[in-house]
Amino acid sequence: MLDLASTSRRGFVASLAAGVTGMLGVPRSKMAMEWCSPVSRATPGPHPDPRPDVDASNVLTTEQLERYSHVIDLYDGIRAIPHIADGIRCKCGCADLPDYRSLLTCFEGGGMARTCQICQTEGRVVVRLHKAGRTLDQIRAAIDARFGNG
């Protein structure tokens, strides 16, 4: 039973979402891929080392984003810098999901950057800072300063 007197609004929303997904029979990891909230924060961990052979072949295309036209430019930006996005840890909770690798993962296949404001904002910061000539280490430091190191 949820103790409403001692539960924060965020805790209540997280409990409500977990209950609704349970009633609908939606697996918790599936729900995390469809809905992202500041309630679900990533566990602390280091940024991953980018893979030397990484490419953007799995980043969703414009055609695949037809229902999400507001993020097409962002996906184009990430597609141009997979070697940078692959070296950034997502801060929304993605890092705790199976098959997660890096921020790049959020923009691939079933990744949640289509709807997650945290993934999107983090991606926009990464793209903007890369265009401004920042190094991967400088971008990581900016991400940690903005989103926390955990």
C-alpha atoms as a PDB file:
ATOM      1  CA  MET A   1       0.000   0.000   0.000  1.00  0.00           C
ATOM      2  CA  LEU A   2       1.292   3.462  -0.908  1.00  0.00           C
ATOM      3  CA  ASP A   3       1.639   5.841   2.049  1.00  0.00           C
ATOM      4  CA  LEU A   4       0.411   9.099   0.494  1.00  0.00           C
ATOM      5  CA  ALA A   5       1.412  11.170   3.514  1.00  0.00           C
ATOM      6  CA  SER A   6       5.095  10.388   3.037  1.00  0.00           C
ATOM      7  CA  THR A   7       5.202  10.047  -0.760  1.00  0.00           C
ATOM      8  CA  SER A   8       6.488  12.841  -2.982  1.00  0.00           C
ATOM      9  CA  ARG A   9       4.588  13.839  -6.097  1.00  0.00           C
ATOM     10  CA  ARG A  10       7.288  12.203  -8.235  1.00  0.00           C
ATOM     11  CA  GLY A  11       7.141   9.035  -6.180  1.00  0.00           C
ATOM     12  CA  PHE A  12       3.365   8.969  -6.514  1.00  0.00           C
ATOM     13  CA  VAL A  13       3.543   9.423 -10.314  1.00  0.00           C
ATOM     14  CA  ALA A  14       6.173   6.672 -10.592  1.00  0.00           C
ATOM     15  CA  SER A  15       4.045   4.320  -8.477  1.00  0.00           C
ATOM     16  CA  LEU A  16       0.953   5.160 -10.503  1.00  0.00           C
ATOM     17  CA  ALA A  17       2.787   4.518 -13.793  1.00  0.00           C
ATOM     18  CA  ALA A  18       4.155   1.208 -12.498  1.00  0.00           C
ATOM     19  CA  GLY A  19       0.678   0.156 -11.404  1.00  0.00           C
ATOM     20  CA  VAL A  20      -0.944   1.093 -14.694  1.00  0.00           C
ATOM     21  CA  THR A  21       1.687  -0.733 -16.723  1.00  0.00           C
ATOM     22  CA  GLY A  22       1.290  -3.765 -14.469  1.00  0.00           C
ATOM     23  CA  MET A  23      -2.466  -3.757 -14.989  1.00  0.00           C
ATOM     24  CA  LEU A  24      -2.007  -3.483 -18.738  1.00  0.00           C
ATOM     25  CA  GLY A  25       0.472  -6.334 -18.750  1.00  0.00           C
ATOM     26  CA  VAL A  26       3.227  -4.124 -20.176  1.00  0.00           C
ATOM     27  CA  PRO A  27       6.682  -5.303 -19.117  1.00  0.00           C
ATOM     28  CA  ARG A  28       8.543  -2.686 -17.064  1.00  0.00           C
ATOM     29  CA  SER A  29      11.454  -2.504 -19.528  1.00  0.00           C
ATOM     30  CA  LYS A  30       8.983  -1.992 -22.404  1.00  0.00           C
ATOM     31  CA  MET A  31       7.361   0.849 -20.512  1.00  0.00           C
ATOM     32  CA  ALA A  32      10.749   2.461 -19.914  1.00  0.00           C
ATOM     33  CA  MET A  33      11.342   2.389 -23.654  1.00  0.00           C
ATOM     34  CA  GLU A  34       7.988   4.113 -24.311  1.00  0.00           C
ATOM     35  CA  TRP A  35       7.891   6.657 -21.501  1.00  0.00           C
ATOM     36  CA  CYS A  36      10.645   8.629 -19.919  1.00  0.00           C
ATOM     37  CA  SER A  37      10.389  10.863 -16.912  1.00  0.00           C
ATOM     38  CA  PRO A  38      12.703  12.662 -14.517  1.00  0.00           C
ATOM     39  CA  VAL A  39      11.437  10.124 -11.971  1.00  0.00           C
ATOM     40  CA  SER A  40      13.616   7.472 -13.593  1.00  0.00           C
ATOM     41  CA  ARG A  41      17.179   8.646 -13.082  1.00  0.00           C
ATOM     42  CA  ALA A  42      20.172   6.651 -14.221  1.00  0.00           C
ATOM     43  CA  THR A  43      22.355   4.975 -11.674  1.00  0.00           C
ATOM     44  CA  PRO A  44      25.804   6.529 -11.361  1.00  0.00           C
ATOM     45  CA  GLY A  45      28.335   5.325 -13.832  1.00  0.00           C
ATOM     46  CA  PRO A  46      31.055   6.432 -16.169  1.00  0.00           C
ATOM     47  CA  HIS A  47      30.609   7.570 -19.713  1.00  0.00           C
ATOM     48  CA  PRO A  48      31.326   4.685 -22.105  1.00  0.00           C
ATOM     49  CA  ASP A  49      34.347   4.605 -24.364  1.00  0.00           C
ATOM     50  CA  PRO A  50      33.208   5.168 -27.940  1.00  0.00           C
ATOM     51  CA  ARG A  51      33.705   2.174 -30.192  1.00  0.00           C
ATOM     52  CA  PRO A  52      36.316   2.882 -32.871  1.00  0.00           C
ATOM     53  CA  ASP A  53      34.152   1.355 -35.605  1.00  0.00           C
ATOM     54  CA  VAL A  54      30.815   2.880 -34.555  1.00  0.00           C
ATOM     55  CA  ASP A  55      28.554   4.266 -37.244  1.00  0.00           C
ATOM     56  CA  ALA A  56      25.067   5.713 -37.479  1.00  0.00           C
ATOM     57  CA  SER A  57      23.542   2.899 -39.511  1.00  0.00           C
ATOM     58  CA  ASN A  58      21.016   2.081 -36.759  1.00  0.00           C
ATOM     59  CA  VAL A  59      19.932   5.662 -36.035  1.00  0.00           C
ATOM     60  CA  LEU A  60      16.320   6.092 -37.108  1.00  0.00           C
ATOM     61  CA  THR A  61      15.807   7.726 -40.502  1.00  0.00           C
ATOM     62  CA  THR A  62      13.521  10.582 -41.466  1.00  0.00           C
ATOM     63  CA  GLU A  63      11.042   8.076 -42.870  1.00  0.00           C
ATOM     64  CA  GLN A  64      11.020   6.117 -39.604  1.00  0.00           C
ATOM     65  CA  LEU A  65      10.391   9.337 -37.671  1.00  0.00           C
ATOM     66  CA  GLU A  66       7.308  10.395 -39.615  1.00  0.00           C
ATOM     67  CA  ARG A  67       5.185  10.465 -36.446  1.00  0.00           C
ATOM     68  CA  TYR A  68       7.942  12.340 -34.583  1.00  0.00           C
ATOM     69  CA  SER A  69       8.727  15.136 -37.041  1.00  0.00           C
ATOM     70  CA  HIS A  70       9.751  17.525 -34.233  1.00  0.00           C
ATOM     71  CA  VAL A  71      12.939  15.475 -33.622  1.00  0.00           C
ATOM     72  CA  ILE A  72      14.064  14.816 -37.203  1.00  0.00           C
ATOM     73  CA  ASP A  73      16.712  17.579 -37.077  1.00  0.00           C
ATOM     74  CA  LEU A  74      18.016  16.212 -33.777  1.00  0.00           C
ATOM     75  CA  TYR A  75      18.302  12.693 -35.211  1.00  0.00           C
ATOM     76  CA  ASP A  76      20.120  14.143 -38.234  1.00  0.00           C
ATOM     77  CA  GLY A  77      22.551  15.843 -35.836  1.00  0.00           C
ATOM     78  CA  ILE A  78      23.185  12.623 -33.899  1.00  0.00           C
ATOM     79  CA  ARG A  79      23.541  10.683 -37.149  1.00  0.00           C
ATOM     80  CA  ALA A  80      26.406  13.041 -38.103  1.00  0.00           C
ATOM     81  CA  ILE A  81      28.354  12.375 -34.874  1.00  0.00           C
ATOM     82  CA  PRO A  82      27.876   8.740 -33.815  1.00  0.00           C
ATOM     83  CA  HIS A  83      31.466   8.612 -32.484  1.00  0.00           C
ATOM     84  CA  ILE A  84      30.601  11.386 -30.003  1.00  0.00           C
ATOM     85  CA  ALA A  85      27.108  10.152 -28.999  1.00  0.00           C
ATOM     86  CA  ASP A  86      28.601   6.678 -28.429  1.00  0.00           C
ATOM     87  CA  GLY A  87      30.876   8.166 -25.756  1.00  0.00           C
ATOM     88  CA  ILE A  88      28.092   9.760 -23.699  1.00  0.00           C
ATOM     89  CA  ARG A  89      26.037   8.117 -20.946  1.00  0.00           C
ATOM     90  CA  CYS A  90      22.343   8.951 -21.057  1.00  0.00           C
ATOM     91  CA  LYS A  91      21.028  10.495 -17.848  1.00  0.00           C
ATOM     92  CA  CYS A  92      17.334   9.549 -17.993  1.00  0.00           C
ATOM     93  CA  GLY A  93      17.539   5.938 -16.851  1.00  0.00           C
ATOM     94  CA  CYS A  94      18.293   4.325 -20.204  1.00  0.00           C
ATOM     95  CA  ALA A  95      21.632   3.095 -18.899  1.00  0.00           C
ATOM     96  CA  ASP A  96      19.805   0.671 -16.604  1.00  0.00           C
ATOM     97  CA  LEU A  97      17.960  -1.029 -19.476  1.00  0.00           C
ATOM     98  CA  PRO A  98      19.120  -4.246 -21.144  1.00  0.00           C
ATOM     99  CA  ASP A  99      21.001  -3.729 -24.405  1.00  0.00           C
ATOM    100  CA  TYR A 100      21.825  -0.102 -23.545  1.00  0.00           C
ATOM    101  CA  ARG A 101      25.254   1.058 -24.740  1.00  0.00           C
ATOM    102  CA  SER A 102      25.361   4.873 -24.872  1.00  0.00           C
ATOM    103  CA  LEU A 103      23.360   7.973 -25.775  1.00  0.00           C
ATOM    104  CA  LEU A 104      23.595   6.743 -29.353  1.00  0.00           C
ATOM    105  CA  THR A 105      21.438   3.756 -28.317  1.00  0.00           C
ATOM    106  CA  CYS A 106      18.624   6.167 -27.425  1.00  0.00           C
ATOM    107  CA  PHE A 107      18.451   7.220 -31.086  1.00  0.00           C
ATOM    108  CA  GLU A 108      18.564   3.721 -32.554  1.00  0.00           C
ATOM    109  CA  GLY A 109      15.708   1.293 -33.234  1.00  0.00           C
ATOM    110  CA  GLY A 110      13.377   1.224 -30.231  1.00  0.00           C
ATOM    111  CA  GLY A 111      15.397   3.761 -28.262  1.00  0.00           C
ATOM    112  CA  MET A 112      13.348   6.290 -26.392  1.00  0.00           C
ATOM    113  CA  ALA A 113      14.741   9.556 -27.756  1.00  0.00           C
ATOM    114  CA  ARG A 114      11.617   9.868 -29.914  1.00  0.00           C
ATOM    115  CA  THR A 115       9.577  10.747 -26.826  1.00  0.00           C
ATOM    116  CA  CYS A 116      11.986  11.270 -23.912  1.00  0.00           C
ATOM    117  CA  GLN A 117      12.683  14.923 -23.177  1.00  0.00           C
ATOM    118  CA  ILE A 118      15.870  14.067 -21.279  1.00  0.00           C
ATOM    119  CA  CYS A 119      17.334  12.034 -24.160  1.00  0.00           C
ATOM    120  CA  GLN A 120      16.354  14.813 -26.572  1.00  0.00           C
ATOM    121  CA  THR A 121      17.798  17.621 -24.461  1.00  0.00           C
ATOM    122  CA  GLU A 122      20.996  15.710 -23.843  1.00  0.00           C
ATOM    123  CA  GLY A 123      21.279  14.980 -27.571  1.00  0.00           C
ATOM    124  CA  ARG A 124      20.751  18.660 -28.450  1.00  0.00           C
ATOM    125  CA  VAL A 125      23.482  19.706 -26.012  1.00  0.00           C
ATOM    126  CA  VAL A 126      25.874  17.135 -27.488  1.00  0.00           C
ATOM    127  CA  VAL A 127      25.180  18.226 -31.077  1.00  0.00           C
ATOM    128  CA  ARG A 128      25.443  21.943 -30.232  1.00  0.00           C
ATOM    129  CA  LEU A 129      28.702  21.570 -28.314  1.00  0.00           C
ATOM    130  CA  HIS A 130      30.251  19.391 -31.009  1.00  0.00           C
ATOM    131  CA  LYS A 131      29.345  22.012 -33.632  1.00  0.00           C
ATOM    132  CA  ALA A 132      31.009  24.602 -31.379  1.00  0.00           C
ATOM    133  CA  GLY A 133      34.250  22.597 -31.545  1.00  0.00           C
ATOM    134  CA  ARG A 134      34.188  21.026 -28.079  1.00  0.00           C
ATOM    135  CA  THR A 135      36.041  17.762 -27.488  1.00  0.00           C
ATOM    136  CA  LEU A 136      34.372  14.602 -26.202  1.00  0.00           C
ATOM    137  CA  ASP A 137      35.801  15.226 -22.719  1.00  0.00           C
ATOM    138  CA  GLN A 138      34.474  18.801 -22.713  1.00  0.00           C
ATOM    139  CA  ILE A 139      31.058  17.597 -23.850  1.00  0.00           C
ATOM    140  CA  ARG A 140      31.011  14.924 -21.134  1.00  0.00           C
ATOM    141  CA  ALA A 141      31.860  17.557 -18.504  1.00  0.00           C
ATOM    142  CA  ALA A 142      29.051  19.804 -19.757  1.00  0.00           C
ATOM    143  CA  ILE A 143      26.562  16.910 -19.702  1.00  0.00           C
ATOM    144  CA  ASP A 144      27.591  15.989 -16.158  1.00  0.00           C
ATOM    145  CA  ALA A 145      27.304  19.613 -15.032  1.00  0.00           C
ATOM    146  CA  ARG A 146      23.831  19.953 -16.510  1.00  0.00           C
ATOM    147  CA  PHE A 147      22.334  16.538 -15.719  1.00  0.00           C
ATOM    148  CA  GLY A 148      24.420  15.376 -12.775  1.00  0.00           C
ATOM    149  CA  ASN A 149      27.077  12.722 -12.640  1.00  0.00           C
ATOM    150  CA  GLY A 150      24.630   9.935 -11.882  1.00  0.00           C
END
